[in-house]
Amino acid sequence: MDLRAIRTGPNPQYWIAPSKKYVAFGRYELKSFSYSKIWFFRNVGEMLMGLPRTFVGFSSTDIHYYRLMLAWKESEHIDFNFANCQLSQEIYSNDEAYIKRKCRERIDMAGTFAVLIGADTRSKHKYVRWEMEVALEKKCRIIGINLDGARSVVDDKCPPIIRNVGAMFVPFSPKIVAHALADWTKQPNNDWHYKDEIYKKLGYK
């Protein structure tokens, strides 16, 4: 398999290597030339559909945190990547039915629903709670991202709808969020959080 066959995207660390039966998509570290995070697909179309897809729900008051997540995604120094399923122009509409229809379309594309949990997320029912209902209906993985930095569920801030549904709770920090997106497997119930040794391995104190 010739790793020089095709380069993809502006970052040369990412490659696609075709073979007779499969396409491999992966990332390698330039210093050590060790391979990591390699996925195999039957063709490029399947590869594109197979990338991790995440819908991020958040209160409008916390949109700056979402924009910061996009900055993580673009950084070459952080191993953070997700296929974004967010709305674009639709968020400027005042038509609730239209917005919800478009949200459902995006959530239907996603396998993971990540919700930014801030001071008022718990009280946001019109869209944020509704998005969580759709994600649960679709059986998405649920990842709660605590904007206050807590490493586990925060009782007085977490929306009750994602309590005891197998959600993983992490603080708003790029390495642990990236780890959760790559690592977490949906569990049947309870509220979950990573143990301290996982944080230590990722460089946290």
Protein backbone atom coordinates (compact mmCIF):
# COMPACT_ATOMS: atom_id res chain seq x y z
CA MET A 1 0.00 0.00 0.00
CA ASP A 2 1.60 3.25 -1.14
CA LEU A 3 1.06 6.00 1.44
CA ARG A 4 2.27 8.57 -1.08
CA ALA A 5 -0.51 7.72 -3.48
CA ILE A 6 -2.97 10.41 -2.45
CA ARG A 7 -2.72 13.32 -0.05
CA THR A 8 -5.91 14.79 1.31
CA GLY A 9 -6.69 18.21 2.78
CA PRO A 10 -4.34 21.07 3.61
CA ASN A 11 -2.61 19.11 6.37
CA PRO A 12 -0.05 16.66 4.92
CA GLN A 13 -0.27 14.49 8.02
CA TYR A 14 -3.51 13.05 6.67
CA TRP A 15 -3.43 10.53 3.84
CA ILE A 16 -5.58 8.20 1.82
CA ALA A 17 -3.97 5.04 0.49
CA PRO A 18 -5.98 2.98 -2.01
CA SER A 19 -5.64 -0.75 -2.55
CA LYS A 20 -7.55 -3.21 -4.73
CA LYS A 21 -10.32 -3.75 -2.19
CA TYR A 22 -10.08 -1.00 0.41
CA VAL A 23 -9.23 2.62 1.03
CA ALA A 24 -7.26 3.39 4.17
CA PHE A 25 -7.57 6.75 5.83
CA GLY A 26 -5.21 7.65 8.63
CA ARG A 27 -2.91 10.00 10.41
CA TYR A 28 0.75 9.58 11.25
CA GLU A 29 3.19 11.43 13.47
CA LEU A 30 5.88 13.10 11.40
CA LYS A 31 8.59 12.79 14.06
CA SER A 32 8.27 9.08 14.77
CA PHE A 33 6.51 7.98 11.58
CA SER A 34 4.26 5.80 13.72
CA TYR A 35 0.76 5.21 12.44
CA SER A 36 -2.36 5.94 14.45
CA LYS A 37 -6.11 6.11 13.98
CA ILE A 38 -6.39 4.13 10.75
CA TRP A 39 -9.80 3.33 9.29
CA PHE A 40 -10.46 0.97 6.34
CA PHE A 41 -13.34 1.43 3.91
CA ARG A 42 -14.42 -0.22 0.66
CA ASN A 43 -14.27 3.06 -1.26
CA VAL A 44 -13.81 6.79 -0.81
CA GLY A 45 -17.56 7.37 -0.55
CA GLU A 46 -17.85 4.91 2.31
CA MET A 47 -14.79 6.53 3.89
CA LEU A 48 -16.44 9.94 3.92
CA MET A 49 -19.62 8.51 5.42
CA GLY A 50 -17.58 6.59 8.01
CA LEU A 51 -15.83 9.55 9.61
CA PRO A 52 -16.98 10.42 13.15
CA ARG A 53 -19.99 12.74 12.88
CA THR A 54 -20.93 14.88 15.83
CA PHE A 55 -23.79 17.29 16.43
CA VAL A 56 -23.00 19.84 19.14
CA GLY A 57 -25.95 21.24 21.09
CA PHE A 58 -25.57 24.42 23.11
CA SER A 59 -27.43 27.40 24.50
CA SER A 60 -27.14 30.54 22.38
CA THR A 61 -25.37 32.19 25.32
CA ASP A 62 -22.56 29.63 24.96
CA ILE A 63 -21.94 29.93 21.21
CA HIS A 64 -18.44 31.30 21.81
CA TYR A 65 -17.49 27.95 23.37
CA TYR A 66 -18.65 26.16 20.25
CA ARG A 67 -16.57 28.52 18.12
CA LEU A 68 -13.59 27.69 20.30
CA MET A 69 -14.20 24.00 19.60
CA LEU A 70 -13.97 24.78 15.90
CA ALA A 71 -10.63 26.45 16.60
CA TRP A 72 -9.48 23.22 18.29
CA LYS A 73 -10.52 21.32 15.18
CA GLU A 74 -8.42 23.54 12.93
CA SER A 75 -5.33 23.42 15.15
CA GLU A 76 -2.47 21.31 13.85
CA HIS A 77 -1.18 20.80 17.37
CA ILE A 78 -4.29 19.16 18.85
CA ASP A 79 -5.45 15.69 17.86
CA PHE A 80 -9.08 16.77 17.66
CA ASN A 81 -11.26 15.99 14.70
CA PHE A 82 -14.95 15.51 14.05
CA ALA A 83 -17.19 15.73 11.03
CA ASN A 84 -19.33 18.75 11.80
CA CYS A 85 -23.10 18.38 11.39
CA GLN A 86 -24.09 21.84 12.59
CA LEU A 87 -26.59 24.16 10.96
CA SER A 88 -25.32 27.07 8.89
CA GLN A 89 -27.69 29.70 7.54
CA GLU A 90 -30.71 28.06 9.15
CA ILE A 91 -29.82 29.45 12.57
CA TYR A 92 -30.73 32.93 11.33
CA SER A 93 -34.32 31.90 10.61
CA ASN A 94 -37.23 32.64 12.98
CA ASP A 95 -39.26 29.68 11.70
CA GLU A 96 -39.20 27.15 14.56
CA ALA A 97 -40.57 24.27 12.48
CA TYR A 98 -37.98 24.90 9.75
CA ILE A 99 -35.11 25.08 12.24
CA LYS A 100 -36.22 21.87 13.97
CA ARG A 101 -36.57 20.07 10.64
CA LYS A 102 -33.03 21.07 9.69
CA CYS A 103 -31.72 20.14 13.14
CA ARG A 104 -33.28 16.70 12.86
CA GLU A 105 -31.64 16.22 9.46
CA ARG A 106 -28.23 17.02 10.95
CA ILE A 107 -28.74 14.87 14.04
CA ASP A 108 -29.83 12.01 11.76
CA MET A 109 -26.37 12.31 10.15
CA ALA A 110 -24.60 12.07 13.49
CA GLY A 111 -23.64 9.12 15.63
CA THR A 112 -22.67 11.34 18.55
CA PHE A 113 -24.50 14.18 20.26
CA ALA A 114 -22.27 16.41 22.37
CA VAL A 115 -23.95 19.04 24.51
CA LEU A 116 -22.16 22.02 26.03
CA ILE A 117 -23.48 22.29 29.58
CA GLY A 118 -23.39 25.84 30.88
CA ALA A 119 -25.22 27.94 33.43
CA ASP A 120 -28.56 28.01 31.58
CA THR A 121 -28.48 24.82 29.46
CA ARG A 122 -30.79 23.04 31.89
CA SER A 123 -33.55 25.61 31.31
CA LYS A 124 -33.32 25.71 27.50
CA HIS A 125 -36.31 23.66 26.34
CA LYS A 126 -37.26 25.11 22.95
CA TYR A 127 -34.27 23.82 21.01
CA VAL A 128 -31.54 22.35 23.24
CA ARG A 129 -33.79 19.93 25.13
CA TRP A 130 -35.59 19.06 21.91
CA GLU A 131 -32.25 18.27 20.21
CA MET A 132 -31.37 15.95 23.09
CA GLU A 133 -34.73 14.21 22.72
CA VAL A 134 -34.03 13.61 19.03
CA ALA A 135 -30.51 12.36 19.78
CA LEU A 136 -31.83 9.90 22.36
CA GLU A 137 -34.55 8.77 19.96
CA LYS A 138 -31.82 8.06 17.40
CA LYS A 139 -29.70 6.31 20.06
CA CYS A 140 -26.70 8.59 19.58
CA ARG A 141 -23.76 8.45 21.93
CA ILE A 142 -24.23 11.31 24.39
CA ILE A 143 -21.26 13.34 25.65
CA GLY A 144 -21.90 16.09 28.19
CA ILE A 145 -19.20 18.77 28.13
CA ASN A 146 -19.11 20.78 31.35
CA LEU A 147 -18.21 24.40 30.71
CA ASP A 148 -17.39 24.88 34.40
CA GLY A 149 -14.53 22.36 34.12
CA ALA A 150 -16.16 19.58 36.17
CA ARG A 151 -14.99 16.06 35.32
CA SER A 152 -18.29 14.39 36.14
CA VAL A 153 -21.99 15.16 35.99
CA VAL A 154 -23.05 18.38 37.79
CA ASP A 155 -26.45 17.78 39.35
CA ASP A 156 -27.73 21.37 39.32
CA LYS A 157 -26.59 22.12 35.76
CA CYS A 158 -27.08 18.91 33.79
CA PRO A 159 -30.38 18.65 31.88
CA PRO A 160 -32.36 15.81 33.50
CA ILE A 161 -33.12 14.27 30.10
CA ILE A 162 -29.51 13.07 29.72
CA ARG A 163 -29.18 11.72 33.25
CA ASN A 164 -28.85 7.94 33.59
CA VAL A 165 -28.87 7.30 29.84
CA GLY A 166 -25.23 6.17 29.52
CA ALA A 167 -23.77 9.61 28.83
CA MET A 168 -20.10 10.42 29.35
CA PHE A 169 -19.34 13.71 31.13
CA VAL A 170 -16.07 15.58 30.60
CA PRO A 171 -14.77 19.11 31.14
CA PHE A 172 -14.50 21.65 28.33
CA SER A 173 -10.90 20.93 27.35
CA PRO A 174 -9.61 19.75 23.95
CA LYS A 175 -7.65 16.63 24.87
CA ILE A 176 -10.33 14.99 26.99
CA VAL A 177 -13.11 15.96 24.59
CA ALA A 178 -11.10 14.48 21.70
CA HIS A 179 -10.51 11.34 23.77
CA ALA A 180 -14.22 10.97 24.53
CA LEU A 181 -15.18 11.41 20.87
CA ALA A 182 -12.69 8.72 19.83
CA ASP A 183 -13.03 6.34 22.76
CA TRP A 184 -16.49 6.38 24.31
CA THR A 185 -18.79 3.47 23.60
CA LYS A 186 -22.46 3.99 24.35
CA GLN A 187 -23.50 2.43 27.65
CA PRO A 188 -27.05 1.37 28.57
CA ASN A 189 -27.55 3.66 31.58
CA ASN A 190 -25.96 5.56 34.48
CA ASP A 191 -23.79 8.72 34.33
CA TRP A 192 -20.17 8.11 33.38
CA HIS A 193 -16.86 9.93 33.78
CA TYR A 194 -13.21 9.06 33.17
CA LYS A 195 -10.93 8.05 36.02
CA ASP A 196 -7.98 10.20 37.03
CA GLU A 197 -5.46 7.93 35.30
CA ILE A 198 -6.99 8.76 31.91
CA TYR A 199 -6.48 12.45 32.58
CA LYS A 200 -2.90 11.83 33.67
CA LYS A 201 -2.17 9.91 30.48
CA LEU A 202 -3.49 12.88 28.50
CA GLY A 203 -1.22 15.30 30.39
CA TYR A 204 -3.69 16.66 32.92
CA LYS A 205 -2.81 17.03 36.61
